[in-house]
Amino acid sequence: MAKRVGANTRKRAVTRRAEIRKGLRRSIVRIGSALVICTAAGGLLYAGTIGISEFRNRMEKSDLLNVKEISVKGSIRTEEQKIIARCGLRPGMKLYSIKKDVVKSAVSADPWVKSVKLKKKLYGRVIIEITERDPVALVNFGTIMQVDEDGVLLPLPDGSVSLLPLVSGLRDTVDEAGRRVIDKKGTERLNEFLREAGKVDGGLFSRFSQLDLSHDYMVRLVLKGVPSVIDIGTEDIVERLNQLLEIEKILSTENFLPARINLCYQNLAYVTQRSEVEEEIVRSVAD
């Protein structure tokens, strides 16, 4: 019996040694595989780095991605070359070096530019698409300027003639972009009056020669070709503007025109003063 026990012990020892050797072989294989993989990965990474660097060097030397043509679309009042110079674009620079935000910010610094789109095309074409501002009125802040619906003040070219109405009673300021603009309250009031006039008659606003928005409760205006100063109450403005259309028809057939007409109330009030005071009336509205 003792002999059998000893045989079993030897057998178990042999089995354990075999399992240990087998485990060691597996570990060696795994470690070797890991080393091979790491070595291969390192080699690929190194080769990739060299490849990317070489590719980059070749692209830098190649003219494939060079800017060859720069054009501006939508430019009417702004000069194309000034826009290109303002954003720093030039032929020969790389397409990928052009940053859209930088270009948009630089071009938008021009007061005439309302919005900007930058397009980079194949074969080195760069297109700057701009939308310009449309003036809606004239203002006088020491010099006659134009203003658009956003309240941005725009220069009036020397020698140009404008049929837009001259608006007074507004205040100017500087916005966050550093542009000279009409303050928010004045811009909102001008736009509101534009909208209401458009509802009554699409061409009514274009027939005004002067507007005075100094007073909160009324608008003082002068129609083109009519020396009479007309006051319109801001309460029930649509009704007052419709009254103005009727007055306009009457004035167009009258030889004697009153100096002032008051439409602030339901009943019309005429000041029966000779129209020879036209210059004084127009000056008072402009002030």
C-alpha atoms as a PDB file:
ATOM      1  CA  MET A   1       0.000   0.000   0.000  1.00  0.00           C
ATOM      2  CA  ALA A   2       2.873   2.380   0.873  1.00  0.00           C
ATOM      3  CA  LYS A   3       4.434   1.619  -2.499  1.00  0.00           C
ATOM      4  CA  ARG A   4       1.199   2.727  -4.238  1.00  0.00           C
ATOM      5  CA  VAL A   5       1.092   5.993  -2.259  1.00  0.00           C
ATOM      6  CA  GLY A   6       4.648   6.877  -3.297  1.00  0.00           C
ATOM      7  CA  ALA A   7       3.849   6.210  -6.963  1.00  0.00           C
ATOM      8  CA  ASN A   8       0.852   8.549  -6.849  1.00  0.00           C
ATOM      9  CA  THR A   9       2.955  11.311  -5.265  1.00  0.00           C
ATOM     10  CA  ARG A  10       5.581  11.035  -7.984  1.00  0.00           C
ATOM     11  CA  LYS A  11       2.878  11.098 -10.628  1.00  0.00           C
ATOM     12  CA  ARG A  12       1.354  14.287  -9.187  1.00  0.00           C
ATOM     13  CA  ALA A  13       4.785  15.925  -9.039  1.00  0.00           C
ATOM     14  CA  VAL A  14       5.440  15.107 -12.681  1.00  0.00           C
ATOM     15  CA  THR A  15       2.038  16.508 -13.620  1.00  0.00           C
ATOM     16  CA  ARG A  16       2.718  19.750 -11.713  1.00  0.00           C
ATOM     17  CA  ARG A  17       6.106  20.186 -13.367  1.00  0.00           C
ATOM     18  CA  ALA A  18       4.541  19.663 -16.781  1.00  0.00           C
ATOM     19  CA  GLU A  19       1.856  22.282 -16.056  1.00  0.00           C
ATOM     20  CA  ILE A  20       4.503  24.730 -14.845  1.00  0.00           C
ATOM     21  CA  ARG A  21       6.561  24.240 -18.000  1.00  0.00           C
ATOM     22  CA  LYS A  22       3.436  24.645 -20.125  1.00  0.00           C
ATOM     23  CA  GLY A  23       2.501  27.859 -18.283  1.00  0.00           C
ATOM     24  CA  LEU A  24       6.024  29.207 -18.728  1.00  0.00           C
ATOM     25  CA  ARG A  25       5.904  28.506 -22.452  1.00  0.00           C
ATOM     26  CA  ARG A  26       2.551  30.331 -22.708  1.00  0.00           C
ATOM     27  CA  SER A  27       3.925  33.312 -20.801  1.00  0.00           C
ATOM     28  CA  ILE A  28       7.014  33.441 -22.994  1.00  0.00           C
ATOM     29  CA  VAL A  29       4.855  33.298 -26.127  1.00  0.00           C
ATOM     30  CA  ARG A  30       2.576  36.058 -24.836  1.00  0.00           C
ATOM     31  CA  ILE A  31       5.487  38.274 -23.839  1.00  0.00           C
ATOM     32  CA  GLY A  32       7.143  37.663 -27.184  1.00  0.00           C
ATOM     33  CA  SER A  33       3.945  38.475 -29.065  1.00  0.00           C
ATOM     34  CA  ALA A  34       3.508  41.661 -27.058  1.00  0.00           C
ATOM     35  CA  LEU A  35       7.063  42.686 -27.814  1.00  0.00           C
ATOM     36  CA  VAL A  36       6.573  42.022 -31.510  1.00  0.00           C
ATOM     37  CA  ILE A  37       3.327  44.035 -31.565  1.00  0.00           C
ATOM     38  CA  CYS A  38       4.880  46.944 -29.645  1.00  0.00           C
ATOM     39  CA  THR A  39       7.900  46.925 -31.892  1.00  0.00           C
ATOM     40  CA  ALA A  40       5.706  46.882 -34.989  1.00  0.00           C
ATOM     41  CA  ALA A  41       3.476  49.640 -33.637  1.00  0.00           C
ATOM     42  CA  GLY A  42       6.474  51.759 -32.751  1.00  0.00           C
ATOM     43  CA  GLY A  43       7.900  51.213 -36.198  1.00  0.00           C
ATOM     44  CA  LEU A  44       4.634  52.159 -37.854  1.00  0.00           C
ATOM     45  CA  LEU A  45       4.305  55.243 -35.648  1.00  0.00           C
ATOM     46  CA  TYR A  46       7.819  56.321 -36.457  1.00  0.00           C
ATOM     47  CA  ALA A  47       7.292  55.642 -40.136  1.00  0.00           C
ATOM     48  CA  GLY A  48       3.973  57.501 -39.995  1.00  0.00           C
ATOM     49  CA  THR A  49       5.599  60.486 -38.330  1.00  0.00           C
ATOM     50  CA  ILE A  50       8.283  60.559 -40.970  1.00  0.00           C
ATOM     51  CA  GLY A  51       5.611  60.132 -43.652  1.00  0.00           C
ATOM     52  CA  ILE A  52       3.404  62.939 -42.330  1.00  0.00           C
ATOM     53  CA  SER A  53       6.377  65.231 -41.991  1.00  0.00           C
ATOM     54  CA  GLU A  54       7.484  64.403 -45.511  1.00  0.00           C
ATOM     55  CA  PHE A  55       3.950  64.889 -46.838  1.00  0.00           C
ATOM     56  CA  ARG A  56       3.707  68.231 -45.083  1.00  0.00           C
ATOM     57  CA  ASN A  57       7.041  69.362 -46.512  1.00  0.00           C
ATOM     58  CA  ARG A  58       5.967  68.384 -49.991  1.00  0.00           C
ATOM     59  CA  MET A  59       2.663  70.241 -49.671  1.00  0.00           C
ATOM     60  CA  GLU A  60       4.473  73.334 -48.422  1.00  0.00           C
ATOM     61  CA  LYS A  61       6.699  73.291 -51.486  1.00  0.00           C
ATOM     62  CA  SER A  62       3.875  72.436 -53.893  1.00  0.00           C
ATOM     63  CA  ASP A  63       1.602  75.088 -55.403  1.00  0.00           C
ATOM     64  CA  LEU A  64      -1.396  72.723 -55.449  1.00  0.00           C
ATOM     65  CA  LEU A  65      -3.030  74.451 -52.456  1.00  0.00           C
ATOM     66  CA  ASN A  66      -1.771  77.940 -53.244  1.00  0.00           C
ATOM     67  CA  VAL A  67      -4.246  80.813 -53.574  1.00  0.00           C
ATOM     68  CA  LYS A  68      -4.303  81.754 -57.246  1.00  0.00           C
ATOM     69  CA  GLU A  69      -7.409  83.899 -57.595  1.00  0.00           C
ATOM     70  CA  ILE A  70      -9.309  86.151 -55.132  1.00  0.00           C
ATOM     71  CA  SER A  71     -12.653  87.674 -56.096  1.00  0.00           C
ATOM     72  CA  VAL A  72     -15.389  89.653 -54.359  1.00  0.00           C
ATOM     73  CA  LYS A  73     -19.107  89.302 -55.112  1.00  0.00           C
ATOM     74  CA  GLY A  74     -21.870  91.691 -54.061  1.00  0.00           C
ATOM     75  CA  SER A  75     -19.625  94.735 -53.881  1.00  0.00           C
ATOM     76  CA  ILE A  76     -21.341  97.862 -55.207  1.00  0.00           C
ATOM     77  CA  ARG A  77     -20.356 100.714 -52.909  1.00  0.00           C
ATOM     78  CA  THR A  78     -17.170  99.158 -51.558  1.00  0.00           C
ATOM     79  CA  GLU A  79     -14.028  98.700 -53.645  1.00  0.00           C
ATOM     80  CA  GLU A  80     -13.003  95.095 -54.281  1.00  0.00           C
ATOM     81  CA  GLN A  81      -9.285  95.704 -53.771  1.00  0.00           C
ATOM     82  CA  LYS A  82      -9.899  97.483 -50.458  1.00  0.00           C
ATOM     83  CA  ILE A  83     -11.881  94.494 -49.199  1.00  0.00           C
ATOM     84  CA  ILE A  84      -9.136  92.063 -50.239  1.00  0.00           C
ATOM     85  CA  ALA A  85      -6.445  94.244 -48.644  1.00  0.00           C
ATOM     86  CA  ARG A  86      -8.498  94.638 -45.461  1.00  0.00           C
ATOM     87  CA  CYS A  87      -8.633  90.874 -44.832  1.00  0.00           C
ATOM     88  CA  GLY A  88      -4.971  90.317 -45.752  1.00  0.00           C
ATOM     89  CA  LEU A  89      -5.499  87.817 -48.573  1.00  0.00           C
ATOM     90  CA  ARG A  90      -2.889  87.570 -51.322  1.00  0.00           C
ATOM     91  CA  PRO A  91      -2.025  85.143 -54.138  1.00  0.00           C
ATOM     92  CA  GLY A  92       0.531  82.513 -53.188  1.00  0.00           C
ATOM     93  CA  MET A  93      -0.630  81.929 -49.617  1.00  0.00           C
ATOM     94  CA  LYS A  94      -1.964  78.494 -48.673  1.00  0.00           C
ATOM     95  CA  LEU A  95      -5.711  77.840 -48.776  1.00  0.00           C
ATOM     96  CA  TYR A  96      -5.620  76.037 -45.420  1.00  0.00           C
ATOM     97  CA  SER A  97      -3.979  79.053 -43.760  1.00  0.00           C
ATOM     98  CA  ILE A  98      -7.040  81.252 -44.429  1.00  0.00           C
ATOM     99  CA  LYS A  99      -9.265  81.459 -41.345  1.00  0.00           C
ATOM    100  CA  LYS A 100     -12.912  82.248 -42.048  1.00  0.00           C
ATOM    101  CA  ASP A 101     -13.529  84.040 -38.741  1.00  0.00           C
ATOM    102  CA  VAL A 102     -10.525  86.299 -39.280  1.00  0.00           C
ATOM    103  CA  VAL A 103     -11.617  87.234 -42.804  1.00  0.00           C
ATOM    104  CA  LYS A 104     -15.232  87.865 -41.746  1.00  0.00           C
ATOM    105  CA  SER A 105     -14.172  90.057 -38.843  1.00  0.00           C
ATOM    106  CA  ALA A 106     -11.823  92.118 -41.017  1.00  0.00           C
ATOM    107  CA  VAL A 107     -14.302  92.616 -43.877  1.00  0.00           C
ATOM    108  CA  SER A 108     -17.202  93.418 -41.514  1.00  0.00           C
ATOM    109  CA  ALA A 109     -15.210  96.361 -40.154  1.00  0.00           C
ATOM    110  CA  ASP A 110     -16.310  98.239 -43.289  1.00  0.00           C
ATOM    111  CA  PRO A 111     -19.583 100.006 -42.322  1.00  0.00           C
ATOM    112  CA  TRP A 112     -21.138  99.185 -45.711  1.00  0.00           C
ATOM    113  CA  VAL A 113     -20.738  95.431 -45.196  1.00  0.00           C
ATOM    114  CA  LYS A 114     -23.727  93.787 -43.538  1.00  0.00           C
ATOM    115  CA  SER A 115     -22.731  90.117 -43.865  1.00  0.00           C
ATOM    116  CA  VAL A 116     -19.793  88.092 -45.234  1.00  0.00           C
ATOM    117  CA  LYS A 117     -19.370  84.564 -46.616  1.00  0.00           C
ATOM    118  CA  LEU A 118     -16.000  83.051 -47.488  1.00  0.00           C
ATOM    119  CA  LYS A 119     -15.718  80.211 -50.011  1.00  0.00           C
ATOM    120  CA  LYS A 120     -12.515  78.285 -50.784  1.00  0.00           C
ATOM    121  CA  LYS A 121     -12.674  76.414 -54.078  1.00  0.00           C
ATOM    122  CA  LEU A 122     -10.439  73.938 -55.868  1.00  0.00           C
ATOM    123  CA  TYR A 123      -7.550  75.163 -57.961  1.00  0.00           C
ATOM    124  CA  GLY A 124      -6.797  78.008 -55.540  1.00  0.00           C
ATOM    125  CA  ARG A 125      -9.971  80.094 -55.927  1.00  0.00           C
ATOM    126  CA  VAL A 126     -11.134  82.217 -52.996  1.00  0.00           C
ATOM    127  CA  ILE A 127     -14.497  84.009 -53.176  1.00  0.00           C
ATOM    128  CA  ILE A 128     -15.649  86.660 -50.691  1.00  0.00           C
ATOM    129  CA  GLU A 129     -19.417  87.145 -50.894  1.00  0.00           C
ATOM    130  CA  ILE A 130     -20.736  90.254 -49.163  1.00  0.00           C
ATOM    131  CA  THR A 131     -24.157  91.768 -48.613  1.00  0.00           C
ATOM    132  CA  GLU A 132     -24.111  95.546 -48.434  1.00  0.00           C
ATOM    133  CA  ARG A 133     -26.348  97.757 -46.341  1.00  0.00           C
ATOM    134  CA  ASP A 134     -29.238  99.685 -47.879  1.00  0.00           C
ATOM    135  CA  PRO A 135     -29.699 103.220 -46.496  1.00  0.00           C
ATOM    136  CA  VAL A 136     -33.241 104.219 -45.543  1.00  0.00           C
ATOM    137  CA  ALA A 137     -32.756 107.856 -44.519  1.00  0.00           C
ATOM    138  CA  LEU A 138     -30.338 110.752 -44.134  1.00  0.00           C
ATOM    139  CA  VAL A 139     -29.174 112.251 -40.822  1.00  0.00           C
ATOM    140  CA  ASN A 140     -27.133 115.305 -39.952  1.00  0.00           C
ATOM    141  CA  PHE A 141     -24.464 115.015 -37.238  1.00  0.00           C
ATOM    142  CA  GLY A 142     -22.297 117.886 -38.390  1.00  0.00           C
ATOM    143  CA  THR A 143     -22.188 116.245 -41.801  1.00  0.00           C
ATOM    144  CA  ILE A 144     -24.909 114.568 -43.813  1.00  0.00           C
ATOM    145  CA  MET A 145     -24.749 110.774 -43.516  1.00  0.00           C
ATOM    146  CA  GLN A 146     -26.968 107.862 -44.460  1.00  0.00           C
ATOM    147  CA  VAL A 147     -28.433 105.343 -42.024  1.00  0.00           C
ATOM    148  CA  ASP A 148     -29.731 101.807 -42.614  1.00  0.00           C
ATOM    149  CA  GLU A 149     -32.408  99.813 -40.789  1.00  0.00           C
ATOM    150  CA  ASP A 150     -29.849  98.590 -38.242  1.00  0.00           C
ATOM    151  CA  GLY A 151     -28.982 102.170 -37.328  1.00  0.00           C
ATOM    152  CA  VAL A 152     -25.480 101.973 -38.850  1.00  0.00           C
ATOM    153  CA  LEU A 153     -24.263 105.338 -40.138  1.00  0.00           C
ATOM    154  CA  LEU A 154     -22.944 105.259 -43.693  1.00  0.00           C
ATOM    155  CA  PRO A 155     -20.907 107.892 -45.545  1.00  0.00           C
ATOM    156  CA  LEU A 156     -22.526 109.923 -48.293  1.00  0.00           C
ATOM    157  CA  PRO A 157     -20.138 110.046 -51.268  1.00  0.00           C
ATOM    158  CA  ASP A 158     -19.012 113.513 -52.326  1.00  0.00           C
ATOM    159  CA  GLY A 159     -21.132 114.966 -55.079  1.00  0.00           C
ATOM    160  CA  SER A 160     -23.860 112.339 -54.747  1.00  0.00           C
ATOM    161  CA  VAL A 161     -27.553 113.194 -54.674  1.00  0.00           C
ATOM    162  CA  SER A 162     -29.989 111.353 -52.410  1.00  0.00           C
ATOM    163  CA  LEU A 163     -33.782 111.395 -52.470  1.00  0.00           C
ATOM    164  CA  LEU A 164     -34.022 109.896 -48.984  1.00  0.00           C
ATOM    165  CA  PRO A 165     -35.748 111.971 -46.275  1.00  0.00           C
ATOM    166  CA  LEU A 166     -33.594 113.900 -43.812  1.00  0.00           C
ATOM    167  CA  VAL A 167     -34.361 112.663 -40.285  1.00  0.00           C
ATOM    168  CA  SER A 168     -33.608 114.734 -37.186  1.00  0.00           C
ATOM    169  CA  GLY A 169     -34.148 114.134 -33.485  1.00  0.00           C
ATOM    170  CA  LEU A 170     -31.898 111.045 -33.328  1.00  0.00           C
ATOM    171  CA  ARG A 171     -28.798 110.424 -31.223  1.00  0.00           C
ATOM    172  CA  ASP A 172     -25.653 108.642 -32.330  1.00  0.00           C
ATOM    173  CA  THR A 173     -23.363 106.336 -30.350  1.00  0.00           C
ATOM    174  CA  VAL A 174     -20.700 103.664 -30.924  1.00  0.00           C
ATOM    175  CA  ASP A 175     -21.610  99.964 -30.873  1.00  0.00           C
ATOM    176  CA  GLU A 176     -19.580  96.967 -29.647  1.00  0.00           C
ATOM    177  CA  ALA A 177     -17.945  96.615 -33.072  1.00  0.00           C
ATOM    178  CA  GLY A 178     -16.675 100.196 -32.910  1.00  0.00           C
ATOM    179  CA  ARG A 179     -19.104 101.444 -35.570  1.00  0.00           C
ATOM    180  CA  ARG A 180     -20.905 104.758 -35.351  1.00  0.00           C
ATOM    181  CA  VAL A 181     -24.632 104.031 -35.099  1.00  0.00           C
ATOM    182  CA  ILE A 182     -27.955 105.516 -34.080  1.00  0.00           C
ATOM    183  CA  ASP A 183     -28.834 104.517 -30.522  1.00  0.00           C
ATOM    184  CA  LYS A 184     -31.259 101.640 -30.004  1.00  0.00           C
ATOM    185  CA  LYS A 185     -34.253 103.791 -29.088  1.00  0.00           C
ATOM    186  CA  GLY A 186     -33.897 106.018 -32.133  1.00  0.00           C
ATOM    187  CA  THR A 187     -33.349 103.067 -34.488  1.00  0.00           C
ATOM    188  CA  GLU A 188     -36.436 101.274 -33.182  1.00  0.00           C
ATOM    189  CA  ARG A 189     -38.554 104.400 -33.535  1.00  0.00           C
ATOM    190  CA  LEU A 190     -37.394 105.098 -37.095  1.00  0.00           C
ATOM    191  CA  ASN A 191     -38.012 101.473 -38.124  1.00  0.00           C
ATOM    192  CA  GLU A 192     -41.441 101.479 -36.507  1.00  0.00           C
ATOM    193  CA  PHE A 193     -42.441 104.599 -38.416  1.00  0.00           C
ATOM    194  CA  LEU A 194     -41.111 103.047 -41.637  1.00  0.00           C
ATOM    195  CA  ARG A 195     -43.212  99.921 -41.072  1.00  0.00           C
ATOM    196  CA  GLU A 196     -46.393 101.848 -40.297  1.00  0.00           C
ATOM    197  CA  ALA A 197     -45.956 104.148 -43.295  1.00  0.00           C
ATOM    198  CA  GLY A 198     -45.395 101.098 -45.504  1.00  0.00           C
ATOM    199  CA  LYS A 199     -48.610  99.490 -44.272  1.00  0.00           C
ATOM    200  CA  VAL A 200     -50.613 102.568 -45.246  1.00  0.00           C
ATOM    201  CA  ASP A 201     -48.871 103.264 -48.565  1.00  0.00           C
ATOM    202  CA  GLY A 202     -45.746 101.521 -49.847  1.00  0.00           C
ATOM    203  CA  GLY A 203     -44.445 104.739 -51.425  1.00  0.00           C
ATOM    204  CA  LEU A 204     -45.406 107.145 -48.657  1.00  0.00           C
ATOM    205  CA  PHE A 205     -42.043 107.228 -46.909  1.00  0.00           C
ATOM    206  CA  SER A 206     -40.274 108.089 -50.160  1.00  0.00           C
ATOM    207  CA  ARG A 207     -42.484 111.197 -50.464  1.00  0.00           C
ATOM    208  CA  PHE A 208     -41.199 112.676 -47.218  1.00  0.00           C
ATOM    209  CA  SER A 209     -38.444 115.259 -47.493  1.00  0.00           C
ATOM    210  CA  GLN A 210     -37.875 115.726 -43.746  1.00  0.00           C
ATOM    211  CA  LEU A 211     -38.807 113.979 -40.497  1.00  0.00           C
ATOM    212  CA  ASP A 212     -38.368 115.169 -36.940  1.00  0.00           C
ATOM    213  CA  LEU A 213     -38.495 112.426 -34.272  1.00  0.00           C
ATOM    214  CA  SER A 214     -37.559 114.687 -31.347  1.00  0.00           C
ATOM    215  CA  HIS A 215     -40.931 114.313 -29.634  1.00  0.00           C
ATOM    216  CA  ASP A 216     -42.196 111.046 -28.186  1.00  0.00           C
ATOM    217  CA  TYR A 217     -45.846 111.843 -28.798  1.00  0.00           C
ATOM    218  CA  MET A 218     -45.628 113.072 -32.387  1.00  0.00           C
ATOM    219  CA  VAL A 219     -43.694 113.059 -35.662  1.00  0.00           C
ATOM    220  CA  ARG A 220     -43.114 116.327 -37.489  1.00  0.00           C
ATOM    221  CA  LEU A 221     -42.661 116.027 -41.228  1.00  0.00           C
ATOM    222  CA  VAL A 222     -42.516 117.863 -44.554  1.00  0.00           C
ATOM    223  CA  LEU A 223     -43.712 116.341 -47.815  1.00  0.00           C
ATOM    224  CA  LYS A 224     -41.712 116.804 -50.998  1.00  0.00           C
ATOM    225  CA  GLY A 225     -42.974 119.786 -52.961  1.00  0.00           C
ATOM    226  CA  VAL A 226     -45.147 120.981 -50.048  1.00  0.00           C
ATOM    227  CA  PRO A 227     -43.796 123.676 -47.674  1.00  0.00           C
ATOM    228  CA  SER A 228     -46.337 122.923 -44.942  1.00  0.00           C
ATOM    229  CA  VAL A 229     -45.010 121.413 -41.708  1.00  0.00           C
ATOM    230  CA  ILE A 230     -47.287 118.558 -40.647  1.00  0.00           C
ATOM    231  CA  ASP A 231     -47.503 117.178 -37.097  1.00  0.00           C
ATOM    232  CA  ILE A 232     -48.719 113.581 -36.697  1.00  0.00           C
ATOM    233  CA  GLY A 233     -49.625 112.103 -33.317  1.00  0.00           C
ATOM    234  CA  THR A 234     -48.029 108.769 -32.491  1.00  0.00           C
ATOM    235  CA  GLU A 235     -51.232 107.490 -30.917  1.00  0.00           C
ATOM    236  CA  ASP A 236     -53.317 105.702 -33.564  1.00  0.00           C
ATOM    237  CA  ILE A 237     -50.471 106.306 -36.010  1.00  0.00           C
ATOM    238  CA  VAL A 238     -52.094 104.301 -38.834  1.00  0.00           C
ATOM    239  CA  GLU A 239     -55.225 106.425 -38.658  1.00  0.00           C
ATOM    240  CA  ARG A 240     -53.121 109.593 -38.669  1.00  0.00           C
ATOM    241  CA  LEU A 241     -51.134 108.423 -41.671  1.00  0.00           C
ATOM    242  CA  ASN A 242     -54.350 107.696 -43.552  1.00  0.00           C
ATOM    243  CA  GLN A 243     -55.439 111.240 -42.735  1.00  0.00           C
ATOM    244  CA  LEU A 244     -52.107 112.406 -44.103  1.00  0.00           C
ATOM    245  CA  LEU A 245     -52.857 110.704 -47.431  1.00  0.00           C
ATOM    246  CA  GLU A 246     -56.128 112.648 -47.656  1.00  0.00           C
ATOM    247  CA  ILE A 247     -54.359 115.883 -46.745  1.00  0.00           C
ATOM    248  CA  GLU A 248     -51.718 115.157 -49.397  1.00  0.00           C
ATOM    249  CA  LYS A 249     -54.423 114.946 -52.055  1.00  0.00           C
ATOM    250  CA  ILE A 250     -55.974 118.224 -50.923  1.00  0.00           C
ATOM    251  CA  LEU A 251     -52.648 120.066 -50.791  1.00  0.00           C
ATOM    252  CA  SER A 252     -51.756 118.948 -54.316  1.00  0.00           C
ATOM    253  CA  THR A 253     -54.747 120.927 -55.674  1.00  0.00           C
ATOM    254  CA  GLU A 254     -54.486 124.016 -53.450  1.00  0.00           C
ATOM    255  CA  ASN A 255     -52.815 127.259 -54.446  1.00  0.00           C
ATOM    256  CA  PHE A 256     -52.650 128.548 -50.895  1.00  0.00           C
ATOM    257  CA  LEU A 257     -50.803 126.214 -48.551  1.00  0.00           C
ATOM    258  CA  PRO A 258     -50.866 126.619 -44.774  1.00  0.00           C
ATOM    259  CA  ALA A 259     -47.587 126.902 -42.894  1.00  0.00           C
ATOM    260  CA  ARG A 260     -48.511 124.173 -40.406  1.00  0.00           C
ATOM    261  CA  ILE A 261     -51.028 121.342 -40.187  1.00  0.00           C
ATOM    262  CA  ASN A 262     -51.726 119.517 -36.933  1.00  0.00           C
ATOM    263  CA  LEU A 263     -52.830 115.883 -37.212  1.00  0.00           C
ATOM    264  CA  CYS A 264     -52.182 115.063 -33.578  1.00  0.00           C
ATOM    265  CA  TYR A 265     -55.889 115.073 -32.829  1.00  0.00           C
ATOM    266  CA  GLN A 266     -59.033 113.934 -34.544  1.00  0.00           C
ATOM    267  CA  ASN A 267     -59.923 117.421 -35.728  1.00  0.00           C
ATOM    268  CA  LEU A 268     -57.504 119.053 -38.138  1.00  0.00           C
ATOM    269  CA  ALA A 269     -55.886 122.305 -37.103  1.00  0.00           C
ATOM    270  CA  TYR A 270     -54.558 124.639 -39.789  1.00  0.00           C
ATOM    271  CA  VAL A 271     -52.297 127.584 -39.203  1.00  0.00           C
ATOM    272  CA  THR A 272     -53.308 130.021 -41.902  1.00  0.00           C
ATOM    273  CA  GLN A 273     -49.932 131.570 -42.520  1.00  0.00           C
ATOM    274  CA  ARG A 274     -48.544 132.406 -45.953  1.00  0.00           C
ATOM    275  CA  SER A 275     -46.250 129.803 -47.527  1.00  0.00           C
ATOM    276  CA  GLU A 276     -43.469 132.379 -47.971  1.00  0.00           C
ATOM    277  CA  VAL A 277     -42.122 131.200 -44.595  1.00  0.00           C
ATOM    278  CA  GLU A 278     -40.970 127.969 -46.245  1.00  0.00           C
ATOM    279  CA  GLU A 279     -37.288 128.483 -45.477  1.00  0.00           C
ATOM    280  CA  GLU A 280     -37.974 129.167 -41.801  1.00  0.00           C
ATOM    281  CA  ILE A 281     -40.201 126.103 -41.521  1.00  0.00           C
ATOM    282  CA  VAL A 282     -37.722 123.767 -43.175  1.00  0.00           C
ATOM    283  CA  ARG A 283     -34.929 125.095 -40.982  1.00  0.00           C
ATOM    284  CA  SER A 284     -36.980 124.508 -37.828  1.00  0.00           C
ATOM    285  CA  VAL A 285     -37.651 120.902 -38.836  1.00  0.00           C
ATOM    286  CA  ALA A 286     -33.993 120.236 -39.628  1.00  0.00           C
ATOM    287  CA  ASP A 287     -32.931 121.601 -36.261  1.00  0.00           C
END
